[in-house]
Amino acid sequence: MNLDQGGDSEARFAEYVAGLGSVIGHVERTRPLRDYCMGLMLPGERKSVEPMAARTAPARTAAQHQSLLH
């Protein structure tokens, strides 16, 4: 990942998560990994999984909670 590239932080984040995803060995875990990383960076006092699930997928909090845990 090149941190010196000026530009879009969303693209840099996507590149970062893609790099992490390439080493976890399971393609189906890339989206939960992205959601977890995003949840860590979003505003909010609590960084446990349940509040992160509510912030990253408000319409499907219970399913997102399970996805982030497993």
PDB file of N, CA and C in Angstrom:
ATOM      1  N   MET A   1       0.840  -1.174   0.000  1.00  0.00           N
ATOM      2  CA  MET A   1       0.000   0.000   0.000  1.00  0.00           C
ATOM      3  C   MET A   1       0.885   1.235   0.000  1.00  0.00           C
ATOM      4  N   ASN A   2       0.553   2.163  -0.857  1.00  0.00           N
ATOM      5  CA  ASN A   2       1.340   3.378  -0.971  1.00  0.00           C
ATOM      6  C   ASN A   2       0.636   4.512  -0.244  1.00  0.00           C
ATOM      7  N   LEU A   3       1.123   4.887   0.925  1.00  0.00           N
ATOM      8  CA  LEU A   3       0.493   5.944   1.715  1.00  0.00           C
ATOM      9  C   LEU A   3       0.776   7.327   1.152  1.00  0.00           C
ATOM     10  N   ASP A   4       1.747   7.446   0.262  1.00  0.00           N
ATOM     11  CA  ASP A   4       2.084   8.743  -0.298  1.00  0.00           C
ATOM     12  C   ASP A   4       1.165   9.157  -1.436  1.00  0.00           C
ATOM     13  N   GLN A   5       0.360   8.239  -1.926  1.00  0.00           N
ATOM     14  CA  GLN A   5      -0.520   8.617  -3.025  1.00  0.00           C
ATOM     15  C   GLN A   5      -1.557   9.605  -2.527  1.00  0.00           C
ATOM     16  N   GLY A   6      -1.615  10.736  -3.172  1.00  0.00           N
ATOM     17  CA  GLY A   6      -2.651  11.696  -2.820  1.00  0.00           C
ATOM     18  C   GLY A   6      -3.968  11.158  -3.345  1.00  0.00           C
ATOM     19  N   GLY A   7      -5.047  11.557  -2.765  1.00  0.00           N
ATOM     20  CA  GLY A   7      -6.298  11.115  -3.341  1.00  0.00           C
ATOM     21  C   GLY A   7      -7.249  10.540  -2.345  1.00  0.00           C
ATOM     22  N   ASP A   8      -7.997   9.657  -2.845  1.00  0.00           N
ATOM     23  CA  ASP A   8      -9.182   9.165  -2.183  1.00  0.00           C
ATOM     24  C   ASP A   8      -8.879   8.207  -1.037  1.00  0.00           C
ATOM     25  N   SER A   9      -9.325   8.555   0.140  1.00  0.00           N
ATOM     26  CA  SER A   9      -9.089   7.691   1.300  1.00  0.00           C
ATOM     27  C   SER A   9      -9.873   6.393   1.190  1.00  0.00           C
ATOM     28  N   GLU A  10     -11.026   6.411   0.519  1.00  0.00           N
ATOM     29  CA  GLU A  10     -11.797   5.175   0.336  1.00  0.00           C
ATOM     30  C   GLU A  10     -11.017   4.182  -0.511  1.00  0.00           C
ATOM     31  N   ALA A  11     -10.364   4.655  -1.553  1.00  0.00           N
ATOM     32  CA  ALA A  11      -9.562   3.778  -2.400  1.00  0.00           C
ATOM     33  C   ALA A  11      -8.373   3.224  -1.623  1.00  0.00           C
ATOM     34  N   ARG A  12      -7.748   4.056  -0.806  1.00  0.00           N
ATOM     35  CA  ARG A  12      -6.628   3.591   0.015  1.00  0.00           C
ATOM     36  C   ARG A  12      -7.094   2.545   1.018  1.00  0.00           C
ATOM     37  N   PHE A  13      -8.265   2.765   1.623  1.00  0.00           N
ATOM     38  CA  PHE A  13      -8.816   1.796   2.567  1.00  0.00           C
ATOM     39  C   PHE A  13      -9.096   0.476   1.855  1.00  0.00           C
ATOM     40  N   ALA A  14      -9.715   0.540   0.670  1.00  0.00           N
ATOM     41  CA  ALA A  14     -10.015  -0.678  -0.093  1.00  0.00           C
ATOM     42  C   ALA A  14      -8.737  -1.435  -0.434  1.00  0.00           C
ATOM     43  N   GLU A  15      -7.697  -0.705  -0.799  1.00  0.00           N
ATOM     44  CA  GLU A  15      -6.410  -1.330  -1.109  1.00  0.00           C
ATOM     45  C   GLU A  15      -5.815  -1.995   0.136  1.00  0.00           C
ATOM     46  N   TYR A  16      -5.920  -1.331   1.263  1.00  0.00           N
ATOM     47  CA  TYR A  16      -5.405  -1.872   2.525  1.00  0.00           C
ATOM     48  C   TYR A  16      -6.126  -3.167   2.900  1.00  0.00           C
ATOM     49  N   VAL A  17      -7.460  -3.136   2.825  1.00  0.00           N
ATOM     50  CA  VAL A  17      -8.241  -4.326   3.181  1.00  0.00           C
ATOM     51  C   VAL A  17      -7.983  -5.455   2.182  1.00  0.00           C
ATOM     52  N   ALA A  18      -7.827  -5.124   0.911  1.00  0.00           N
ATOM     53  CA  ALA A  18      -7.509  -6.151  -0.083  1.00  0.00           C
ATOM     54  C   ALA A  18      -6.179  -6.819   0.248  1.00  0.00           C
ATOM     55  N   GLY A  19      -5.214  -6.031   0.691  1.00  0.00           N
ATOM     56  CA  GLY A  19      -3.928  -6.597   1.100  1.00  0.00           C
ATOM     57  C   GLY A  19      -4.067  -7.530   2.288  1.00  0.00           C
ATOM     58  N   LEU A  20      -4.863  -7.115   3.265  1.00  0.00           N
ATOM     59  CA  LEU A  20      -5.118  -7.990   4.417  1.00  0.00           C
ATOM     60  C   LEU A  20      -5.866  -9.241   3.982  1.00  0.00           C
ATOM     61  N   GLY A  21      -6.855  -9.048   3.117  1.00  0.00           N
ATOM     62  CA  GLY A  21      -7.660 -10.172   2.641  1.00  0.00           C
ATOM     63  C   GLY A  21      -6.837 -11.203   1.898  1.00  0.00           C
ATOM     64  N   SER A  22      -5.787 -10.761   1.232  1.00  0.00           N
ATOM     65  CA  SER A  22      -4.969 -11.701   0.467  1.00  0.00           C
ATOM     66  C   SER A  22      -4.190 -12.663   1.358  1.00  0.00           C
ATOM     67  N   VAL A  23      -4.010 -12.318   2.624  1.00  0.00           N
ATOM     68  CA  VAL A  23      -3.246 -13.196   3.511  1.00  0.00           C
ATOM     69  C   VAL A  23      -4.112 -14.006   4.473  1.00  0.00           C
ATOM     70  N   ILE A  24      -5.415 -13.718   4.548  1.00  0.00           N
ATOM     71  CA  ILE A  24      -6.235 -14.488   5.485  1.00  0.00           C
ATOM     72  C   ILE A  24      -6.651 -15.837   4.926  1.00  0.00           C
ATOM     73  N   GLY A  25      -6.518 -16.020   3.605  1.00  0.00           N
ATOM     74  CA  GLY A  25      -6.716 -17.330   3.020  1.00  0.00           C
ATOM     75  C   GLY A  25      -8.146 -17.732   2.725  1.00  0.00           C
ATOM     76  N   HIS A  26      -9.111 -16.916   3.038  1.00  0.00           N
ATOM     77  CA  HIS A  26     -10.511 -17.242   2.781  1.00  0.00           C
ATOM     78  C   HIS A  26     -11.184 -16.035   2.143  1.00  0.00           C
ATOM     79  N   VAL A  27     -11.498 -16.150   0.852  1.00  0.00           N
ATOM     80  CA  VAL A  27     -12.104 -15.039   0.122  1.00  0.00           C
ATOM     81  C   VAL A  27     -13.402 -14.587   0.776  1.00  0.00           C
ATOM     82  N   GLU A  28     -14.177 -15.529   1.297  1.00  0.00           N
ATOM     83  CA  GLU A  28     -15.474 -15.183   1.899  1.00  0.00           C
ATOM     84  C   GLU A  28     -15.330 -14.393   3.205  1.00  0.00           C
ATOM     85  N   ARG A  29     -14.140 -14.293   3.742  1.00  0.00           N
ATOM     86  CA  ARG A  29     -13.924 -13.517   4.975  1.00  0.00           C
ATOM     87  C   ARG A  29     -13.491 -12.073   4.701  1.00  0.00           C
ATOM     88  N   THR A  30     -13.292 -11.727   3.444  1.00  0.00           N
ATOM     89  CA  THR A  30     -12.826 -10.381   3.110  1.00  0.00           C
ATOM     90  C   THR A  30     -13.849  -9.316   3.473  1.00  0.00           C
ATOM     91  N   ARG A  31     -15.123  -9.539   3.156  1.00  0.00           N
ATOM     92  CA  ARG A  31     -16.138  -8.529   3.485  1.00  0.00           C
ATOM     93  C   ARG A  31     -16.281  -8.342   4.997  1.00  0.00           C
ATOM     94  N   PRO A  32     -16.401  -9.427   5.799  1.00  0.00           N
ATOM     95  CA  PRO A  32     -16.450  -9.214   7.250  1.00  0.00           C
ATOM     96  C   PRO A  32     -15.200  -8.508   7.784  1.00  0.00           C
ATOM     97  N   LEU A  33     -14.046  -8.803   7.213  1.00  0.00           N
ATOM     98  CA  LEU A  33     -12.816  -8.117   7.618  1.00  0.00           C
ATOM     99  C   LEU A  33     -12.918  -6.625   7.316  1.00  0.00           C
ATOM    100  N   ARG A  34     -13.407  -6.292   6.123  1.00  0.00           N
ATOM    101  CA  ARG A  34     -13.585  -4.884   5.757  1.00  0.00           C
ATOM    102  C   ARG A  34     -14.558  -4.198   6.704  1.00  0.00           C
ATOM    103  N   ASP A  35     -15.690  -4.866   6.995  1.00  0.00           N
ATOM    104  CA  ASP A  35     -16.681  -4.285   7.899  1.00  0.00           C
ATOM    105  C   ASP A  35     -16.111  -4.091   9.305  1.00  0.00           C
ATOM    106  N   TYR A  36     -15.315  -5.048   9.767  1.00  0.00           N
ATOM    107  CA  TYR A  36     -14.708  -4.940  11.091  1.00  0.00           C
ATOM    108  C   TYR A  36     -13.737  -3.757  11.143  1.00  0.00           C
ATOM    109  N   CYS A  37     -12.878  -3.644  10.132  1.00  0.00           N
ATOM    110  CA  CYS A  37     -11.930  -2.521  10.086  1.00  0.00           C
ATOM    111  C   CYS A  37     -12.674  -1.194  10.021  1.00  0.00           C
ATOM    112  N   MET A  38     -13.736  -1.152   9.221  1.00  0.00           N
ATOM    113  CA  MET A  38     -14.525   0.070   9.120  1.00  0.00           C
ATOM    114  C   MET A  38     -15.162   0.402  10.463  1.00  0.00           C
ATOM    115  N   GLY A  39     -15.680  -0.615  11.155  1.00  0.00           N
ATOM    116  CA  GLY A  39     -16.291  -0.408  12.465  1.00  0.00           C
ATOM    117  C   GLY A  39     -15.313   0.148  13.480  1.00  0.00           C
ATOM    118  N   LEU A  40     -14.063  -0.278  13.396  1.00  0.00           N
ATOM    119  CA  LEU A  40     -13.042   0.247  14.306  1.00  0.00           C
ATOM    120  C   LEU A  40     -12.769   1.725  14.069  1.00  0.00           C
ATOM    121  N   MET A  41     -12.909   2.155  12.833  1.00  0.00           N
ATOM    122  CA  MET A  41     -12.594   3.548  12.498  1.00  0.00           C
ATOM    123  C   MET A  41     -13.785   4.492  12.606  1.00  0.00           C
ATOM    124  N   LEU A  42     -14.996   3.967  12.645  1.00  0.00           N
ATOM    125  CA  LEU A  42     -16.174   4.829  12.743  1.00  0.00           C
ATOM    126  C   LEU A  42     -16.261   5.479  14.119  1.00  0.00           C
ATOM    127  N   PRO A  43     -16.928   6.626  14.201  1.00  0.00           N
ATOM    128  CA  PRO A  43     -17.108   7.258  15.507  1.00  0.00           C
ATOM    129  C   PRO A  43     -17.932   6.369  16.436  1.00  0.00           C
ATOM    130  N   GLY A  44     -17.687   6.489  17.686  1.00  0.00           N
ATOM    131  CA  GLY A  44     -18.407   5.709  18.682  1.00  0.00           C
ATOM    132  C   GLY A  44     -17.474   5.329  19.804  1.00  0.00           C
ATOM    133  N   GLU A  45     -18.019   5.324  21.004  1.00  0.00           N
ATOM    134  CA  GLU A  45     -17.188   5.020  22.166  1.00  0.00           C
ATOM    135  C   GLU A  45     -16.835   3.545  22.253  1.00  0.00           C
ATOM    136  N   ARG A  46     -17.814   2.688  22.017  1.00  0.00           N
ATOM    137  CA  ARG A  46     -17.582   1.250  22.178  1.00  0.00           C
ATOM    138  C   ARG A  46     -17.108   0.643  20.871  1.00  0.00           C
ATOM    139  N   LYS A  47     -16.058  -0.134  20.956  1.00  0.00           N
ATOM    140  CA  LYS A  47     -15.513  -0.787  19.775  1.00  0.00           C
ATOM    141  C   LYS A  47     -15.714  -2.299  19.835  1.00  0.00           C
ATOM    142  N   SER A  48     -16.690  -2.744  20.632  1.00  0.00           N
ATOM    143  CA  SER A  48     -17.001  -4.167  20.647  1.00  0.00           C
ATOM    144  C   SER A  48     -17.853  -4.490  19.419  1.00  0.00           C
ATOM    145  N   VAL A  49     -18.044  -5.761  19.144  1.00  0.00           N
ATOM    146  CA  VAL A  49     -18.668  -6.197  17.899  1.00  0.00           C
ATOM    147  C   VAL A  49     -20.127  -5.754  17.781  1.00  0.00           C
ATOM    148  N   GLU A  50     -20.895  -5.827  18.840  1.00  0.00           N
ATOM    149  CA  GLU A  50     -22.317  -5.485  18.727  1.00  0.00           C
ATOM    150  C   GLU A  50     -22.546  -4.036  18.283  1.00  0.00           C
ATOM    151  N   PRO A  51     -21.916  -3.045  18.904  1.00  0.00           N
ATOM    152  CA  PRO A  51     -22.095  -1.673  18.411  1.00  0.00           C
ATOM    153  C   PRO A  51     -21.546  -1.470  16.995  1.00  0.00           C
ATOM    154  N   MET A  52     -20.454  -2.162  16.666  1.00  0.00           N
ATOM    155  CA  MET A  52     -19.921  -2.054  15.309  1.00  0.00           C
ATOM    156  C   MET A  52     -20.905  -2.619  14.302  1.00  0.00           C
ATOM    157  N   ALA A  53     -21.546  -3.729  14.636  1.00  0.00           N
ATOM    158  CA  ALA A  53     -22.544  -4.321  13.741  1.00  0.00           C
ATOM    159  C   ALA A  53     -23.700  -3.358  13.516  1.00  0.00           C
ATOM    160  N   ALA A  54     -24.128  -2.689  14.557  1.00  0.00           N
ATOM    161  CA  ALA A  54     -25.231  -1.734  14.435  1.00  0.00           C
ATOM    162  C   ALA A  54     -24.841  -0.545  13.562  1.00  0.00           C
ATOM    163  N   ARG A  55     -23.577  -0.139  13.608  1.00  0.00           N
ATOM    164  CA  ARG A  55     -23.143   1.004  12.797  1.00  0.00           C
ATOM    165  C   ARG A  55     -22.862   0.618  11.354  1.00  0.00           C
ATOM    166  N   THR A  56     -22.357  -0.584  11.109  1.00  0.00           N
ATOM    167  CA  THR A  56     -21.991  -0.968   9.745  1.00  0.00           C
ATOM    168  C   THR A  56     -23.136  -1.585   8.965  1.00  0.00           C
ATOM    169  N   ALA A  57     -24.154  -2.105   9.642  1.00  0.00           N
ATOM    170  CA  ALA A  57     -25.311  -2.705   8.950  1.00  0.00           C
ATOM    171  C   ALA A  57     -26.564  -2.530   9.801  1.00  0.00           C
ATOM    172  N   PRO A  58     -27.073  -1.303   9.921  1.00  0.00           N
ATOM    173  CA  PRO A  58     -28.204  -1.048  10.820  1.00  0.00           C
ATOM    174  C   PRO A  58     -29.465  -1.846  10.490  1.00  0.00           C
ATOM    175  N   ALA A  59     -29.670  -2.186   9.234  1.00  0.00           N
ATOM    176  CA  ALA A  59     -30.879  -2.924   8.848  1.00  0.00           C
ATOM    177  C   ALA A  59     -30.775  -4.413   9.146  1.00  0.00           C
ATOM    178  N   ARG A  60     -29.573  -4.892   9.408  1.00  0.00           N
ATOM    179  CA  ARG A  60     -29.382  -6.328   9.665  1.00  0.00           C
ATOM    180  C   ARG A  60     -28.325  -6.543  10.743  1.00  0.00           C
ATOM    181  N   THR A  61     -28.548  -5.902  11.867  1.00  0.00           N
ATOM    182  CA  THR A  61     -27.568  -5.897  12.950  1.00  0.00           C
ATOM    183  C   THR A  61     -27.248  -7.296  13.464  1.00  0.00           C
ATOM    184  N   ALA A  62     -28.262  -8.126  13.695  1.00  0.00           N
ATOM    185  CA  ALA A  62     -28.014  -9.468  14.240  1.00  0.00           C
ATOM    186  C   ALA A  62     -27.168 -10.303  13.279  1.00  0.00           C
ATOM    187  N   ALA A  63     -27.499 -10.269  11.997  1.00  0.00           N
ATOM    188  CA  ALA A  63     -26.736 -11.032  11.008  1.00  0.00           C
ATOM    189  C   ALA A  63     -25.309 -10.494  10.893  1.00  0.00           C
ATOM    190  N   GLN A  64     -25.175  -9.180  10.919  1.00  0.00           N
ATOM    191  CA  GLN A  64     -23.846  -8.568  10.841  1.00  0.00           C
ATOM    192  C   GLN A  64     -23.016  -8.925  12.073  1.00  0.00           C
ATOM    193  N   HIS A  65     -23.654  -8.956  13.221  1.00  0.00           N
ATOM    194  CA  HIS A  65     -22.963  -9.338  14.460  1.00  0.00           C
ATOM    195  C   HIS A  65     -22.359 -10.729  14.299  1.00  0.00           C
ATOM    196  N   GLN A  66     -23.146 -11.667  13.795  1.00  0.00           N
ATOM    197  CA  GLN A  66     -22.651 -13.033  13.588  1.00  0.00           C
ATOM    198  C   GLN A  66     -21.532 -13.063  12.551  1.00  0.00           C
ATOM    199  N   SER A  67     -21.700 -12.280  11.490  1.00  0.00           N
ATOM    200  CA  SER A  67     -20.690 -12.244  10.435  1.00  0.00           C
ATOM    201  C   SER A  67     -19.355 -11.729  10.962  1.00  0.00           C
ATOM    202  N   LEU A  68     -19.404 -10.721  11.797  1.00  0.00           N
ATOM    203  CA  LEU A  68     -18.166 -10.165  12.347  1.00  0.00           C
ATOM    204  C   LEU A  68     -17.492 -11.116  13.330  1.00  0.00           C
ATOM    205  N   LEU A  69     -18.277 -11.924  14.007  1.00  0.00           N
ATOM    206  CA  LEU A  69     -17.712 -12.858  14.984  1.00  0.00           C
ATOM    207  C   LEU A  69     -17.127 -14.112  14.346  1.00  0.00           C
ATOM    208  N   HIS A  70     -17.691 -14.546  13.248  1.00  0.00           N
ATOM    209  CA  HIS A  70     -17.292 -15.845  12.686  1.00  0.00           C
ATOM    210  C   HIS A  70     -16.675 -15.679  11.355  1.00  0.00           C
TER     211      HIS A  70
END
